[in-house]
Protein backbone atom coordinates (compact mmCIF):
# COMPACT_ATOMS: atom_id res chain seq x y z
CA MET A 1 -62.31 -16.91 -41.75
CA SER A 2 -60.48 -18.00 -44.87
CA THR A 3 -56.69 -18.03 -45.08
CA ASN A 4 -56.67 -15.12 -47.60
CA SER A 5 -58.92 -12.97 -45.39
CA LEU A 6 -56.72 -13.67 -42.38
CA ARG A 7 -53.64 -12.63 -44.31
CA ARG A 8 -55.27 -9.36 -45.45
CA THR A 9 -56.30 -8.54 -41.86
CA LEU A 10 -52.80 -9.17 -40.49
CA ARG A 11 -51.30 -7.00 -43.25
CA LEU A 12 -53.61 -4.08 -42.40
CA VAL A 13 -52.79 -4.38 -38.67
CA SER A 14 -49.04 -4.34 -39.43
CA ILE A 15 -49.36 -1.26 -41.65
CA SER A 16 -51.43 0.59 -39.02
CA ALA A 17 -48.92 -0.23 -36.28
CA ALA A 18 -45.98 1.01 -38.38
CA PHE A 19 -47.81 4.24 -39.19
CA LEU A 20 -48.58 4.83 -35.49
CA VAL A 21 -44.95 4.22 -34.46
CA GLY A 22 -43.74 6.66 -37.12
CA LEU A 23 -46.24 9.31 -36.04
CA LEU A 24 -45.16 9.03 -32.41
CA GLY A 25 -41.53 9.32 -33.47
CA LEU A 26 -42.21 12.53 -35.40
CA GLN A 27 -44.08 14.00 -32.43
CA SER A 28 -41.20 13.19 -30.06
CA THR A 29 -38.71 14.84 -32.41
CA ALA A 30 -40.87 17.98 -32.68
CA ASP A 31 -41.23 18.14 -28.88
CA ALA A 32 -37.48 17.79 -28.42
CA GLN A 33 -36.79 20.58 -30.93
CA ARG A 34 -39.23 22.91 -29.18
CA ALA A 35 -37.67 22.17 -25.80
CA ARG A 36 -34.08 22.64 -27.01
CA PRO A 37 -33.02 26.34 -27.33
CA ALA A 38 -31.89 27.46 -30.76
CA LYS A 39 -28.16 27.60 -31.25
CA VAL A 40 -26.59 30.91 -32.28
CA LYS A 41 -23.37 30.66 -34.19
CA PRO A 42 -20.49 32.09 -32.12
CA ALA A 43 -19.09 33.86 -35.20
CA LYS A 44 -22.29 35.87 -35.63
CA VAL A 45 -22.38 36.85 -31.94
CA ALA A 46 -18.74 37.96 -32.07
CA ALA A 47 -19.39 39.99 -35.21
CA ALA A 48 -22.34 41.73 -33.56
CA LYS A 49 -20.22 42.62 -30.54
CA ARG A 50 -17.43 43.99 -32.73
CA GLY A 51 -19.86 46.21 -34.63
CA ALA A 52 -21.72 47.46 -31.54
CA ALA A 53 -21.22 51.06 -30.42
CA LYS A 54 -22.27 52.31 -27.00
CA LEU A 55 -22.41 55.84 -25.69
CA ARG A 56 -20.26 56.12 -22.58
CA GLY A 57 -19.60 58.94 -20.13
CA THR A 58 -23.18 60.22 -19.99
CA GLU A 59 -23.33 60.06 -16.18
CA ALA A 60 -20.66 62.76 -15.83
CA PHE A 61 -22.89 65.23 -17.69
CA LYS A 62 -26.28 64.24 -16.31
CA PRO A 63 -28.33 67.21 -15.03
CA THR A 64 -29.56 67.11 -11.43
CA THR A 65 -33.15 67.87 -12.43
CA VAL A 66 -35.10 67.57 -15.66
CA SER A 67 -38.51 69.18 -16.06
CA ALA A 68 -41.48 67.03 -16.97
CA GLY A 69 -41.96 68.87 -20.27
CA LEU A 70 -38.33 68.43 -21.31
CA LYS A 71 -38.37 64.79 -20.29
CA ALA A 72 -41.42 64.18 -22.47
CA SER A 73 -39.82 65.85 -25.48
CA LEU A 74 -36.71 63.66 -25.11
CA ARG A 75 -38.80 60.55 -25.82
CA GLY A 76 -36.80 58.39 -23.43
CA LYS A 77 -33.34 59.47 -24.62
CA PRO A 78 -30.65 60.36 -22.03
CA LEU A 79 -29.98 64.06 -21.47
CA MET A 80 -26.53 65.62 -20.99
CA VAL A 81 -25.46 69.19 -20.27
CA ALA A 82 -22.16 70.67 -21.45
CA PRO A 83 -21.63 74.29 -20.32
CA LYS A 84 -18.79 76.21 -21.96
CA ALA A 85 -16.35 75.48 -19.12
CA LYS A 86 -16.71 71.73 -19.63
CA THR A 87 -16.70 71.30 -23.39
CA GLY A 88 -13.12 69.99 -23.38
CA GLU A 89 -13.98 67.34 -20.79
CA TYR A 90 -17.14 66.54 -22.71
CA ALA A 91 -15.28 66.08 -26.03
CA ARG A 92 -12.85 63.63 -24.41
CA ALA A 93 -15.68 61.57 -22.94
CA MET A 94 -17.67 61.62 -26.18
CA LYS A 95 -14.74 60.87 -28.50
CA ASN A 96 -16.50 57.85 -29.99
CA SER A 97 -19.62 59.66 -31.10
CA VAL A 98 -21.05 61.90 -33.81
CA GLU A 99 -23.15 64.88 -32.79
CA ILE A 100 -25.32 67.04 -35.00
CA MET A 101 -25.70 70.41 -33.31
CA PHE A 102 -28.32 73.13 -33.75
CA MET A 103 -27.70 76.73 -32.69
CA PRO A 104 -31.06 78.58 -32.72
CA HIS A 105 -29.59 82.07 -32.18
CA ALA A 106 -26.80 81.92 -34.78
CA SER A 107 -29.13 83.50 -37.36
CA SER A 108 -32.83 83.88 -38.01
CA TYR A 109 -32.63 80.48 -39.68
CA GLY A 110 -30.54 78.87 -36.95
CA HIS A 111 -27.32 77.03 -37.74
CA LEU A 112 -26.41 73.35 -38.11
CA LEU A 113 -22.93 71.90 -37.59
CA VAL A 114 -21.44 68.56 -36.65
CA ARG A 115 -18.95 67.18 -34.14
CA VAL A 116 -17.08 64.03 -35.13
CA GLY A 117 -15.05 62.83 -32.15
CA ASP A 118 -13.10 65.91 -31.01
CA ARG A 119 -13.39 67.81 -34.32
CA MET A 120 -16.02 70.32 -35.41
CA TYR A 121 -17.08 70.73 -39.05
CA ASP A 122 -19.45 73.31 -40.48
CA MET A 123 -20.24 75.67 -43.33
CA PRO A 124 -20.41 79.01 -41.52
CA GLY A 125 -20.89 81.31 -44.51
CA PRO A 126 -19.14 82.72 -47.58
CA SER A 127 -15.73 81.85 -46.12
CA GLY A 128 -16.47 78.19 -46.83
CA ALA A 129 -16.33 75.04 -44.78
CA ARG A 130 -14.47 74.96 -41.50
CA ASN A 131 -12.61 72.21 -39.63
CA GLN A 132 -11.52 72.99 -36.08
CA ASN A 133 -11.01 71.61 -32.60
CA PHE A 134 -14.35 71.17 -30.85
CA SER A 135 -13.32 72.80 -27.56
CA ASP A 136 -11.89 75.85 -29.36
CA ALA A 137 -15.01 76.18 -31.47
CA MET A 138 -17.26 76.10 -28.42
CA ARG A 139 -15.46 78.85 -26.47
CA TRP A 140 -17.63 81.53 -28.04
CA VAL A 141 -20.92 79.71 -27.41
CA ASN A 142 -22.94 81.45 -24.70
CA SER A 143 -26.40 81.16 -26.22
CA ALA A 144 -28.43 77.97 -26.34
CA GLY A 145 -27.33 74.99 -28.37
CA TYR A 146 -28.73 71.47 -28.76
CA GLY A 147 -26.82 68.37 -29.81
CA PHE A 148 -28.16 65.06 -31.09
CA VAL A 149 -25.60 62.37 -30.29
CA TYR A 150 -24.96 59.06 -32.06
CA ALA A 151 -22.61 56.42 -30.63
CA ARG A 152 -20.02 55.11 -33.11
CA THR A 153 -17.03 52.80 -32.91
CA SER A 154 -13.52 54.25 -33.00
CA GLN A 155 -13.09 52.86 -36.52
CA GLN A 156 -16.28 54.58 -37.71
CA ILE A 157 -15.17 57.88 -36.15
CA ALA A 158 -11.78 57.70 -37.88
CA LYS A 159 -13.45 57.07 -41.23
CA LEU A 160 -15.95 59.91 -40.79
CA LYS A 161 -13.21 62.35 -39.76
CA GLN A 162 -11.32 61.54 -42.93
CA LYS A 163 -14.44 62.01 -45.07
CA PHE A 164 -15.42 65.30 -43.42
CA GLU A 165 -11.90 66.69 -43.66
CA THR A 166 -11.85 65.88 -47.37
CA PHE A 167 -15.28 67.45 -47.74
CA ALA A 168 -14.30 70.55 -45.74
CA ASN A 169 -11.15 71.06 -47.84
CA ALA A 170 -12.85 70.55 -51.20
CA GLY A 171 -13.52 74.27 -51.68
CA HIS A 172 -17.32 74.09 -51.65
CA GLY A 173 -19.03 77.47 -51.61
CA PHE A 174 -21.84 78.64 -49.35
CA SER A 175 -25.41 79.11 -50.52
CA MET A 176 -28.36 79.72 -48.24
CA ALA A 177 -30.59 77.62 -50.49
CA GLY A 178 -27.91 75.25 -51.79
CA SER A 179 -27.57 71.56 -51.17
CA GLY A 180 -24.75 70.77 -53.60
CA PRO A 181 -22.95 69.54 -55.53
CA THR A 182 -20.71 72.67 -55.33
CA ASN A 183 -22.60 75.04 -53.01
CA PHE A 184 -24.06 74.08 -49.65
CA SER A 185 -26.11 75.61 -46.88
CA CYS A 186 -24.95 74.78 -43.35
CA ALA A 187 -27.51 71.98 -43.09
CA GLY A 188 -26.78 70.78 -46.62
CA PHE A 189 -23.07 70.49 -45.84
CA VAL A 190 -23.67 68.38 -42.70
CA THR A 191 -26.48 66.18 -43.98
CA ALA A 192 -24.95 65.51 -47.42
CA ALA A 193 -21.77 64.10 -45.87
CA LEU A 194 -23.63 62.02 -43.27
CA LYS A 195 -26.13 60.67 -45.78
CA GLU A 196 -23.29 59.49 -48.02
CA HIS A 197 -20.80 58.23 -45.44
CA ALA A 198 -23.03 57.24 -42.48
CA PRO A 199 -26.37 56.19 -44.00
CA GLU A 200 -27.08 54.01 -40.95
CA LEU A 201 -27.73 57.20 -38.96
CA LYS A 202 -30.73 57.84 -41.23
CA VAL A 203 -30.04 61.58 -41.48
CA GLY A 204 -31.93 62.82 -44.53
CA LEU A 205 -30.60 65.50 -46.87
CA SER A 206 -31.79 68.95 -45.80
CA VAL A 207 -31.20 72.56 -46.80
CA GLY A 208 -32.75 74.23 -43.73
CA ALA A 209 -31.19 74.00 -40.27
CA ILE A 210 -34.49 74.33 -38.40
CA GLY A 211 -36.24 71.62 -40.39
CA ALA A 212 -33.27 69.26 -40.08
CA ALA A 213 -32.97 69.77 -36.31
CA ARG A 214 -36.71 69.37 -35.79
CA ARG A 215 -36.65 66.04 -37.60
CA LEU A 216 -33.69 64.94 -35.49
CA LEU A 217 -35.49 65.81 -32.27
CA ASN A 218 -38.60 63.92 -33.31
CA SER A 219 -36.97 60.95 -35.05
CA GLY A 220 -35.72 59.10 -31.98
CA SER A 221 -32.80 57.62 -33.95
CA HIS A 222 -30.17 59.41 -31.82
CA ASP A 223 -28.69 57.96 -28.60
CA ALA A 224 -28.75 61.11 -26.44
CA VAL A 225 -29.39 64.86 -26.42
CA THR A 226 -26.96 67.49 -25.10
CA LEU A 227 -27.75 71.04 -23.97
CA TYR A 228 -25.11 73.75 -24.49
CA GLY A 229 -24.56 77.37 -23.45
CA ASN A 230 -27.28 78.93 -21.36
CA ALA A 231 -29.60 76.00 -22.15
CA ALA A 232 -27.31 73.78 -20.05
CA GLY A 233 -28.59 75.47 -16.87
CA GLU A 234 -32.27 75.28 -17.82
CA ALA A 235 -32.94 71.53 -17.79
CA GLY A 236 -35.03 71.85 -14.65
CA ASN A 237 -37.00 74.84 -15.91
CA ALA A 238 -40.68 73.96 -16.22
CA ASP A 239 -40.98 76.33 -19.20
CA PHE A 240 -38.05 74.82 -21.13
CA LYS A 241 -38.55 74.53 -24.87
CA PHE A 242 -36.23 73.65 -27.75
CA LEU A 243 -36.17 77.06 -29.41
CA LYS A 244 -37.45 77.09 -33.01
CA LEU A 245 -38.01 73.34 -32.80
CA GLN A 246 -41.13 73.21 -30.61
């Protein structure tokens, strides 16, 4: 073999060896990255914890029995019962939550109102919007009522109370078919405020109480469901149905 040929052969061997070493190095790096768990920045974890809201106190209001039909309609959400005698205790436990409530017997169209912490807000009729203590408002409730509960932080509750109080005192009039900007139905009043000030709850604007409550029941976006009035004693009834919603 000539000197030039020998040199060319040695050069090719050197290049091949370098390429193989580099390839093995890349493979080792890739293997190490796969084996090593991804790091999560502490700041992001802390921020997530600060923004998290959990529903607490549900065990105190858990029914002893829940019928199979009711359990299926809940779609895995916890169920609570709050008879009239315990609404004060319930409001204290649920202070960091928002609850959209449907009263099927309030009229032929039902009625929608909202609890924010320990305050109740609604548009009951021509008298205009109302802002009152939740326990006082619930003293008259004997007939069935259903609440769809959303956990919120204390800061979120304080902000929503302020927004609803401003909304309730703005002098809006009542209209059965109205959804604003000056006249609202009961459902329009509740959903307009929540859509604007709590869009993360994904409560769509609605004029009708029945349609709004039916969507809430079926949406699965809420954290729990509460039964009020005479519905609170019917959780174990095999024939239980959400009136006007099922």
